[in-house]
C-alpha atoms as a PDB file:
ATOM      1  CA  MET A   1       0.310 -37.766  -5.582  1.00  0.00           C
ATOM      2  CA  ASN A   2       2.810 -37.543  -2.739  1.00  0.00           C
ATOM      3  CA  TYR A   3       6.180 -35.797  -2.858  1.00  0.00           C
ATOM      4  CA  THR A   4       9.394 -35.754  -0.871  1.00  0.00           C
ATOM      5  CA  ILE A   5      10.787 -32.357   0.034  1.00  0.00           C
ATOM      6  CA  LYS A   6      13.175 -32.496  -2.955  1.00  0.00           C
ATOM      7  CA  GLN A   7      10.419 -33.499  -5.342  1.00  0.00           C
ATOM      8  CA  LEU A   8       8.125 -30.719  -4.128  1.00  0.00           C
ATOM      9  CA  SER A   9      11.021 -28.271  -4.250  1.00  0.00           C
ATOM     10  CA  ASP A  10      11.666 -29.150  -7.901  1.00  0.00           C
ATOM     11  CA  LEU A  11       7.950 -29.082  -8.731  1.00  0.00           C
ATOM     12  CA  ALA A  12       7.260 -25.664  -7.186  1.00  0.00           C
ATOM     13  CA  GLY A  13      10.570 -23.982  -7.941  1.00  0.00           C
ATOM     14  CA  VAL A  14      11.351 -23.214  -4.312  1.00  0.00           C
ATOM     15  CA  SER A  15      14.338 -24.359  -2.317  1.00  0.00           C
ATOM     16  CA  GLY A  16      14.271 -27.236   0.143  1.00  0.00           C
ATOM     17  CA  ARG A  17      15.554 -24.771   2.718  1.00  0.00           C
ATOM     18  CA  THR A  18      12.431 -22.654   2.182  1.00  0.00           C
ATOM     19  CA  LEU A  19      10.153 -25.666   2.679  1.00  0.00           C
ATOM     20  CA  ARG A  20      11.989 -26.617   5.862  1.00  0.00           C
ATOM     21  CA  PHE A  21      11.569 -23.066   7.129  1.00  0.00           C
ATOM     22  CA  TYR A  22       7.853 -23.129   6.315  1.00  0.00           C
ATOM     23  CA  ASP A  23       7.635 -26.346   8.324  1.00  0.00           C
ATOM     24  CA  LYS A  24       9.531 -24.782  11.238  1.00  0.00           C
ATOM     25  CA  ILE A  25       7.147 -21.809  11.474  1.00  0.00           C
ATOM     26  CA  ASN A  26       4.077 -24.047  11.003  1.00  0.00           C
ATOM     27  CA  LEU A  27       3.140 -22.410   7.712  1.00  0.00           C
ATOM     28  CA  LEU A  28       3.415 -25.622   5.670  1.00  0.00           C
ATOM     29  CA  LYS A  29       3.685 -28.855   7.616  1.00  0.00           C
ATOM     30  CA  PRO A  30       4.308 -32.118   5.738  1.00  0.00           C
ATOM     31  CA  GLU A  31       1.508 -34.671   5.661  1.00  0.00           C
ATOM     32  CA  SER A  32       3.757 -37.190   7.356  1.00  0.00           C
ATOM     33  CA  ILE A  33       7.316 -38.242   8.066  1.00  0.00           C
ATOM     34  CA  ASN A  34       8.219 -41.635   6.610  1.00  0.00           C
ATOM     35  CA  THR A  35      10.277 -44.346   8.293  1.00  0.00           C
ATOM     36  CA  SER A  36      13.443 -42.930   6.741  1.00  0.00           C
ATOM     37  CA  GLY A  37      12.778 -39.524   8.276  1.00  0.00           C
ATOM     38  CA  TYR A  38      11.783 -37.834   5.019  1.00  0.00           C
ATOM     39  CA  ARG A  39       9.032 -35.224   4.931  1.00  0.00           C
ATOM     40  CA  ILE A  40       6.144 -36.356   2.726  1.00  0.00           C
ATOM     41  CA  TYR A  41       3.735 -33.841   1.167  1.00  0.00           C
ATOM     42  CA  GLY A  42       0.287 -34.757  -0.155  1.00  0.00           C
ATOM     43  CA  PRO A  43      -2.299 -33.005  -2.359  1.00  0.00           C
ATOM     44  CA  LYS A  44      -3.475 -30.695   0.450  1.00  0.00           C
ATOM     45  CA  GLN A  45       0.055 -29.496   1.079  1.00  0.00           C
ATOM     46  CA  VAL A  46       0.616 -28.933  -2.662  1.00  0.00           C
ATOM     47  CA  ASP A  47      -2.500 -26.750  -2.813  1.00  0.00           C
ATOM     48  CA  ARG A  48      -1.467 -24.879   0.333  1.00  0.00           C
ATOM     49  CA  LEU A  49       2.009 -24.210  -1.068  1.00  0.00           C
ATOM     50  CA  GLN A  50       0.478 -22.844  -4.266  1.00  0.00           C
ATOM     51  CA  GLN A  51      -1.701 -20.550  -2.149  1.00  0.00           C
ATOM     52  CA  ILE A  52       1.331 -19.409  -0.145  1.00  0.00           C
ATOM     53  CA  LEU A  53       3.271 -18.602  -3.315  1.00  0.00           C
ATOM     54  CA  PHE A  54       0.355 -16.616  -4.735  1.00  0.00           C
ATOM     55  CA  PHE A  55       0.258 -14.527  -1.568  1.00  0.00           C
ATOM     56  CA  ARG A  56       4.038 -14.059  -1.688  1.00  0.00           C
ATOM     57  CA  GLU A  57       3.763 -12.754  -5.253  1.00  0.00           C
ATOM     58  CA  LEU A  58       1.278 -10.208  -3.917  1.00  0.00           C
ATOM     59  CA  LYS A  59       3.858  -9.064  -1.306  1.00  0.00           C
ATOM     60  CA  PHE A  60       2.097 -10.484   1.760  1.00  0.00           C
ATOM     61  CA  SER A  61       4.368 -11.217   4.721  1.00  0.00           C
ATOM     62  CA  LEU A  62       4.668 -14.787   6.003  1.00  0.00           C
ATOM     63  CA  LYS A  63       2.878 -13.737   9.193  1.00  0.00           C
ATOM     64  CA  GLU A  64      -0.017 -12.292   7.169  1.00  0.00           C
ATOM     65  CA  ILE A  65      -0.209 -15.437   5.039  1.00  0.00           C
ATOM     66  CA  SER A  66      -0.240 -17.664   8.115  1.00  0.00           C
ATOM     67  CA  ASP A  67      -3.023 -15.625   9.702  1.00  0.00           C
ATOM     68  CA  ILE A  68      -5.111 -15.740   6.512  1.00  0.00           C
ATOM     69  CA  LEU A  69      -4.710 -19.482   5.924  1.00  0.00           C
ATOM     70  CA  SER A  70      -5.375 -20.274   9.582  1.00  0.00           C
ATOM     71  CA  ALA A  71      -8.555 -18.204   9.802  1.00  0.00           C
ATOM     72  CA  ASP A  72     -11.728 -20.166  10.497  1.00  0.00           C
ATOM     73  CA  ASP A  73     -13.510 -18.502   7.577  1.00  0.00           C
ATOM     74  CA  PHE A  74     -10.718 -19.085   5.044  1.00  0.00           C
ATOM     75  CA  ASN A  75     -12.134 -20.176   1.713  1.00  0.00           C
ATOM     76  CA  ARG A  76      -9.729 -21.268  -1.033  1.00  0.00           C
ATOM     77  CA  VAL A  77     -12.052 -20.329  -3.900  1.00  0.00           C
ATOM     78  CA  ASP A  78     -12.632 -16.851  -2.440  1.00  0.00           C
ATOM     79  CA  ALA A  79      -8.900 -16.413  -1.867  1.00  0.00           C
ATOM     80  CA  LEU A  80      -8.039 -17.447  -5.420  1.00  0.00           C
ATOM     81  CA  THR A  81     -10.724 -15.134  -6.815  1.00  0.00           C
ATOM     82  CA  GLU A  82      -9.307 -12.186  -4.867  1.00  0.00           C
ATOM     83  CA  GLN A  83      -5.729 -13.095  -5.836  1.00  0.00           C
ATOM     84  CA  ARG A  84      -6.744 -13.286  -9.494  1.00  0.00           C
ATOM     85  CA  LYS A  85      -8.266  -9.804  -9.241  1.00  0.00           C
ATOM     86  CA  LYS A  86      -5.098  -8.378  -7.686  1.00  0.00           C
ATOM     87  CA  LEU A  87      -2.802 -10.089 -10.181  1.00  0.00           C
ATOM     88  CA  ILE A  88      -4.872  -8.727 -13.086  1.00  0.00           C
ATOM     89  CA  ALA A  89      -4.512  -5.247 -11.562  1.00  0.00           C
ATOM     90  CA  GLU A  90      -0.763  -5.806 -11.274  1.00  0.00           C
ATOM     91  CA  LYS A  91      -0.641  -6.981 -14.908  1.00  0.00           C
ATOM     92  CA  LYS A  92      -2.409  -3.788 -15.995  1.00  0.00           C
ATOM     93  CA  ARG A  93       0.098  -1.731 -14.012  1.00  0.00           C
ATOM     94  CA  LEU A  94       3.050  -3.547 -15.603  1.00  0.00           C
ATOM     95  CA  ASP A  95       1.489  -3.168 -19.052  1.00  0.00           C
ATOM     96  CA  GLN A  96       1.224   0.577 -18.380  1.00  0.00           C
ATOM     97  CA  LEU A  97       4.885   0.736 -17.333  1.00  0.00           C
ATOM     98  CA  ILE A  98       5.926  -1.197 -20.439  1.00  0.00           C
ATOM     99  CA  ALA A  99       3.869   1.170 -22.618  1.00  0.00           C
ATOM    100  CA  THR A 100       5.519   4.144 -20.898  1.00  0.00           C
ATOM    101  CA  ILE A 101       8.994   2.678 -21.529  1.00  0.00           C
ATOM    102  CA  GLU A 102       8.181   1.981 -25.172  1.00  0.00           C
ATOM    103  CA  LYS A 103       6.894   5.507 -25.704  1.00  0.00           C
ATOM    104  CA  THR A 104       9.933   6.933 -23.913  1.00  0.00           C
ATOM    105  CA  LEU A 105      12.250   4.925 -26.181  1.00  0.00           C
ATOM    106  CA  ALA A 106      10.366   6.157 -29.237  1.00  0.00           C
ATOM    107  CA  SER A 107      10.660   9.699 -27.929  1.00  0.00           C
ATOM    108  CA  GLN A 108      14.395   9.333 -27.345  1.00  0.00           C
ATOM    109  CA  LYS A 109      14.790   8.072 -30.916  1.00  0.00           C
ATOM    110  CA  GLY A 110      12.884  11.071 -32.239  1.00  0.00           C
ATOM    111  CA  GLU A 111      10.017   8.952 -33.488  1.00  0.00           C
ATOM    112  CA  THR A 112       7.374  10.683 -31.333  1.00  0.00           C
ATOM    113  CA  VAL A 113       6.909  13.460 -28.815  1.00  0.00           C
ATOM    114  CA  MET A 114       6.147  12.584 -25.203  1.00  0.00           C
ATOM    115  CA  SER A 115       4.621  15.031 -22.739  1.00  0.00           C
ATOM    116  CA  ASP A 116       5.972  15.312 -19.199  1.00  0.00           C
ATOM    117  CA  GLN A 117       2.646  14.034 -17.889  1.00  0.00           C
ATOM    118  CA  GLU A 118       2.872  10.888 -20.005  1.00  0.00           C
ATOM    119  CA  LYS A 119       6.305  10.114 -18.544  1.00  0.00           C
ATOM    120  CA  PHE A 120       4.800   9.471 -15.117  1.00  0.00           C
ATOM    121  CA  VAL A 121       1.511   7.727 -15.951  1.00  0.00           C
ATOM    122  CA  GLY A 122       2.808   4.262 -15.027  1.00  0.00           C
ATOM    123  CA  PHE A 123       4.292   5.392 -11.724  1.00  0.00           C
ATOM    124  CA  LYS A 124       1.125   7.208 -10.667  1.00  0.00           C
ATOM    125  CA  LYS A 125      -0.870   4.101 -11.536  1.00  0.00           C
ATOM    126  CA  LYS A 126       1.346   2.134  -9.161  1.00  0.00           C
ATOM    127  CA  MET A 127       0.726   4.598  -6.338  1.00  0.00           C
ATOM    128  CA  LEU A 128      -3.027   4.469  -6.916  1.00  0.00           C
ATOM    129  CA  ASP A 129      -2.987   0.669  -6.903  1.00  0.00           C
ATOM    130  CA  GLN A 130      -0.947   0.570  -3.697  1.00  0.00           C
ATOM    131  CA  ASN A 131      -3.286   3.021  -1.997  1.00  0.00           C
ATOM    132  CA  GLU A 132      -6.266   1.009  -3.180  1.00  0.00           C
ATOM    133  CA  GLN A 133      -4.832  -2.193  -1.763  1.00  0.00           C
ATOM    134  CA  LYS A 134      -3.960  -0.613   1.599  1.00  0.00           C
ATOM    135  CA  TYR A 135      -6.786   1.832   2.186  1.00  0.00           C
ATOM    136  CA  GLY A 136      -9.426   1.310  -0.511  1.00  0.00           C
ATOM    137  CA  LYS A 137     -12.071  -0.250   1.690  1.00  0.00           C
ATOM    138  CA  GLU A 138     -11.742   2.287   4.507  1.00  0.00           C
ATOM    139  CA  ILE A 139     -11.756   5.419   2.379  1.00  0.00           C
ATOM    140  CA  ARG A 140     -14.763   4.225   0.389  1.00  0.00           C
ATOM    141  CA  GLU A 141     -16.681   3.571   3.587  1.00  0.00           C
ATOM    142  CA  LYS A 142     -15.720   6.996   4.892  1.00  0.00           C
ATOM    143  CA  TYR A 143     -16.013   9.186   1.780  1.00  0.00           C
ATOM    144  CA  GLY A 144     -18.067   7.181  -0.716  1.00  0.00           C
ATOM    145  CA  GLU A 145     -17.311   5.582  -4.078  1.00  0.00           C
ATOM    146  CA  GLU A 146     -17.882   8.715  -6.181  1.00  0.00           C
ATOM    147  CA  THR A 147     -15.560  10.920  -4.087  1.00  0.00           C
ATOM    148  CA  VAL A 148     -12.785   8.321  -4.173  1.00  0.00           C
ATOM    149  CA  LYS A 149     -13.217   7.909  -7.938  1.00  0.00           C
ATOM    150  CA  LYS A 150     -12.931  11.663  -8.520  1.00  0.00           C
ATOM    151  CA  SER A 151      -9.909  11.871  -6.228  1.00  0.00           C
ATOM    152  CA  ASN A 152      -8.142   9.068  -8.111  1.00  0.00           C
ATOM    153  CA  GLN A 153      -8.894  10.740 -11.445  1.00  0.00           C
ATOM    154  CA  GLN A 154      -7.531  14.031 -10.147  1.00  0.00           C
ATOM    155  CA  PHE A 155      -4.291  12.397  -9.041  1.00  0.00           C
ATOM    156  CA  ALA A 156      -3.966  10.441 -12.301  1.00  0.00           C
ATOM    157  CA  ASN A 157      -4.134  13.741 -14.214  1.00  0.00           C
ATOM    158  CA  ILE A 158      -1.808  15.704 -11.938  1.00  0.00           C
ATOM    159  CA  SER A 159       1.024  17.431 -13.777  1.00  0.00           C
ATOM    160  CA  LYS A 160       4.697  16.825 -13.074  1.00  0.00           C
ATOM    161  CA  GLU A 161       5.006  20.356 -11.661  1.00  0.00           C
ATOM    162  CA  ASP A 162       2.052  19.912  -9.316  1.00  0.00           C
ATOM    163  CA  TYR A 163       3.310  16.526  -8.172  1.00  0.00           C
ATOM    164  CA  GLU A 164       6.666  18.068  -7.303  1.00  0.00           C
ATOM    165  CA  LYS A 165       4.782  20.747  -5.351  1.00  0.00           C
ATOM    166  CA  THR A 166       3.028  18.078  -3.290  1.00  0.00           C
ATOM    167  CA  VAL A 167       6.387  16.556  -2.389  1.00  0.00           C
ATOM    168  CA  MET A 168       7.792  19.940  -1.352  1.00  0.00           C
ATOM    169  CA  ILE A 169       4.696  20.789   0.693  1.00  0.00           C
ATOM    170  CA  GLN A 170       4.760  17.436   2.447  1.00  0.00           C
ATOM    171  CA  ASN A 171       8.468  17.729   3.280  1.00  0.00           C
ATOM    172  CA  GLU A 172       7.904  21.226   4.711  1.00  0.00           C
ATOM    173  CA  MET A 173       4.989  19.848   6.729  1.00  0.00           C
ATOM    174  CA  PHE A 174       7.241  17.113   8.138  1.00  0.00           C
ATOM    175  CA  GLU A 175       9.833  19.715   9.168  1.00  0.00           C
ATOM    176  CA  ASN A 176       7.218  21.793  10.990  1.00  0.00           C
ATOM    177  CA  LEU A 177       5.867  18.688  12.685  1.00  0.00           C
ATOM    178  CA  ARG A 178       9.329  17.833  13.993  1.00  0.00           C
ATOM    179  CA  GLU A 179       9.648  21.307  15.462  1.00  0.00           C
ATOM    180  CA  ALA A 180       6.162  21.093  16.972  1.00  0.00           C
ATOM    181  CA  LEU A 181       7.049  17.758  18.579  1.00  0.00           C
ATOM    182  CA  SER A 182      10.159  19.267  20.118  1.00  0.00           C
ATOM    183  CA  LEU A 183       7.941  21.978  21.630  1.00  0.00           C
ATOM    184  CA  ASN A 184       5.148  19.511  22.465  1.00  0.00           C
ATOM    185  CA  ASP A 185       2.647  22.203  21.544  1.00  0.00           C
ATOM    186  CA  PRO A 186      -0.072  21.692  18.887  1.00  0.00           C
ATOM    187  CA  GLU A 187      -0.998  25.394  19.193  1.00  0.00           C
ATOM    188  CA  SER A 188       2.525  26.564  18.326  1.00  0.00           C
ATOM    189  CA  SER A 189       3.086  28.460  15.092  1.00  0.00           C
ATOM    190  CA  CYS A 190       5.004  25.528  13.593  1.00  0.00           C
ATOM    191  CA  ALA A 191       2.215  23.073  14.461  1.00  0.00           C
ATOM    192  CA  GLN A 192      -0.412  25.351  12.921  1.00  0.00           C
ATOM    193  CA  LYS A 193       1.830  25.824   9.891  1.00  0.00           C
ATOM    194  CA  ALA A 194       1.966  22.012   9.543  1.00  0.00           C
ATOM    195  CA  ALA A 195      -1.840  21.864   9.689  1.00  0.00           C
ATOM    196  CA  ASP A 196      -2.145  24.530   6.977  1.00  0.00           C
ATOM    197  CA  LEU A 197       0.444  22.776   4.818  1.00  0.00           C
ATOM    198  CA  HIS A 198      -1.527  19.570   5.205  1.00  0.00           C
ATOM    199  CA  ARG A 199      -4.623  21.383   3.927  1.00  0.00           C
ATOM    200  CA  GLN A 200      -2.626  22.662   0.950  1.00  0.00           C
ATOM    201  CA  TRP A 201      -1.349  19.151   0.269  1.00  0.00           C
ATOM    202  CA  LEU A 202      -4.895  17.768   0.333  1.00  0.00           C
ATOM    203  CA  SER A 203      -6.022  20.285  -2.273  1.00  0.00           C
ATOM    204  CA  PHE A 204      -3.998  18.399  -4.890  1.00  0.00           C
ATOM    205  CA  PHE A 205      -5.760  15.108  -4.162  1.00  0.00           C
ATOM    206  CA  TRP A 206      -9.273  15.889  -2.962  1.00  0.00           C
ATOM    207  CA  PRO A 207     -11.765  16.787  -5.699  1.00  0.00           C
ATOM    208  CA  LYS A 208     -12.315  20.515  -6.001  1.00  0.00           C
ATOM    209  CA  GLY A 209     -15.064  21.812  -3.753  1.00  0.00           C
ATOM    210  CA  THR A 210     -15.056  18.806  -1.420  1.00  0.00           C
ATOM    211  CA  TYR A 211     -12.803  20.209   1.314  1.00  0.00           C
ATOM    212  CA  SER A 212     -14.430  20.888   4.658  1.00  0.00           C
ATOM    213  CA  LYS A 213     -12.988  21.481   8.105  1.00  0.00           C
ATOM    214  CA  LYS A 214     -14.987  18.538   9.436  1.00  0.00           C
ATOM    215  CA  ALA A 215     -13.590  16.169   6.798  1.00  0.00           C
ATOM    216  CA  HIS A 216     -10.079  17.491   7.396  1.00  0.00           C
ATOM    217  CA  ALA A 217     -10.350  16.862  11.138  1.00  0.00           C
ATOM    218  CA  GLY A 218     -11.860  13.428  10.480  1.00  0.00           C
ATOM    219  CA  LEU A 219      -8.960  12.453   8.244  1.00  0.00           C
ATOM    220  CA  ALA A 220      -6.484  13.574  10.906  1.00  0.00           C
ATOM    221  CA  GLN A 221      -8.242  11.377  13.461  1.00  0.00           C
ATOM    222  CA  MET A 222      -7.940   8.414  11.095  1.00  0.00           C
ATOM    223  CA  TYR A 223      -4.163   8.960  11.035  1.00  0.00           C
ATOM    224  CA  VAL A 224      -4.179   8.132  14.748  1.00  0.00           C
ATOM    225  CA  ASP A 225      -6.836   5.395  14.685  1.00  0.00           C
ATOM    226  CA  ASP A 226      -5.249   3.457  11.832  1.00  0.00           C
ATOM    227  CA  PRO A 227      -1.793   2.045  12.753  1.00  0.00           C
ATOM    228  CA  ARG A 228      -0.717   2.068   9.095  1.00  0.00           C
ATOM    229  CA  PHE A 229      -1.064   5.857   8.897  1.00  0.00           C
ATOM    230  CA  THR A 230       0.477   6.273  12.353  1.00  0.00           C
ATOM    231  CA  LYS A 231       3.494   4.239  11.248  1.00  0.00           C
ATOM    232  CA  TYR A 232       3.825   6.313   8.070  1.00  0.00           C
ATOM    233  CA  TYR A 233       4.122   9.547  10.049  1.00  0.00           C
ATOM    234  CA  GLU A 234       6.411   7.984  12.634  1.00  0.00           C
ATOM    235  CA  ASN A 235       8.721   6.713   9.889  1.00  0.00           C
ATOM    236  CA  ASN A 236       8.855  10.092   8.154  1.00  0.00           C
ATOM    237  CA  VAL A 237       8.865  12.378  11.202  1.00  0.00           C
ATOM    238  CA  ALA A 238       9.111  10.807  14.671  1.00  0.00           C
ATOM    239  CA  LYS A 239       7.086   8.967  17.262  1.00  0.00           C
ATOM    240  CA  GLY A 240       3.958  10.897  18.162  1.00  0.00           C
ATOM    241  CA  ALA A 241       3.822  12.710  14.805  1.00  0.00           C
ATOM    242  CA  ALA A 242       0.339  11.453  13.890  1.00  0.00           C
ATOM    243  CA  GLU A 243      -1.055  12.564  17.250  1.00  0.00           C
ATOM    244  CA  MET A 244       0.629  15.965  16.976  1.00  0.00           C
ATOM    245  CA  LEU A 245      -0.743  16.491  13.462  1.00  0.00           C
ATOM    246  CA  ARG A 246      -4.236  15.450  14.551  1.00  0.00           C
ATOM    247  CA  ASP A 247      -4.203  17.824  17.528  1.00  0.00           C
ATOM    248  CA  ALA A 248      -2.844  20.660  15.404  1.00  0.00           C
ATOM    249  CA  ILE A 249      -5.486  20.098  12.706  1.00  0.00           C
ATOM    250  CA  GLN A 250      -8.274  19.959  15.291  1.00  0.00           C
ATOM    251  CA  ILE A 251      -7.177  23.361  16.589  1.00  0.00           C
ATOM    252  CA  TYR A 252      -6.701  24.653  13.017  1.00  0.00           C
ATOM    253  CA  THR A 253     -10.157  23.549  11.838  1.00  0.00           C
ATOM    254  CA  ALA A 254     -11.864  24.874  14.978  1.00  0.00           C
ATOM    255  CA  LYS A 255     -10.855  28.420  14.108  1.00  0.00           C
ATOM    256  CA  PRO A 256     -13.579  30.582  12.534  1.00  0.00           C
END
C-alpha cells in the first residue's frame, strides 16, 4: 500500500515535519513524487521508517542510523533481532525500576523494610546496561567473559557507602588531573596522585585479586585509543586528560 506524507504521518505517529526532515537528510526518501507534488511512500519506505523508529527508541543518533541503514552488509532480520534483544534488556531494566519504586512506596507506608542497597538496584542495573551497550564487546575481547561477569556482579552488589566513595575518589582524581595538565607533567606529584586514585577507583569494580600493573596500564592506553573514553575524560576534566592519565599511569605502574 502507498501513503502520502500525511497518511504515513498518521500511521506511524510522527509529524509530517519529521518526515520532510528525514527526506532532506536522505534518511527516508519517498518512493516517488506524484503529479501534484505530493511525496508518495511505498512498502519499502514503511519498513525503513519502522526500522528508523526502532533505532530512535534505542537512543541512536540520526547519523548513526543513516550509517547503519546505508551499510552494504545491512540485514533487516539481523537488525530486528538485535533491536529485540536490546528492547528486552530495556524492559528488564524498567521492570527493575518499577519494582524498586513499588518497594520504596511500601517502605514509606511502613509495610516493609528496604535496605539502602535495594534502593539503588534499578539505577545500578541501568549503568551496567549502558556500559554493556557502549563497551561490552571491547572489554570482553580484552579481559574475557568470566572477568567481565565477576566485575558486573561486584558492581551490582556494591553498597551505597562504597558507591559514594567511588564518586569521591573519581572527583579527586579529576582535580589532580586538571592540576597535572596545567603543569604538563605526568611525573608531577598531582599526576601520580591521580594515577593512584585511579587504581583505588578500579578496586571497587575489578574482581578482587585481578589487578595487575600491566592490566592497569593497558586500560589507560584504551582511554586514549578509544574516542569514547577520550571524550569522557575531556568532558569531565579538559582536553588532553586521557593522554595525561595514561602517561601518569604508565609511570606509576613502571615503579617497582
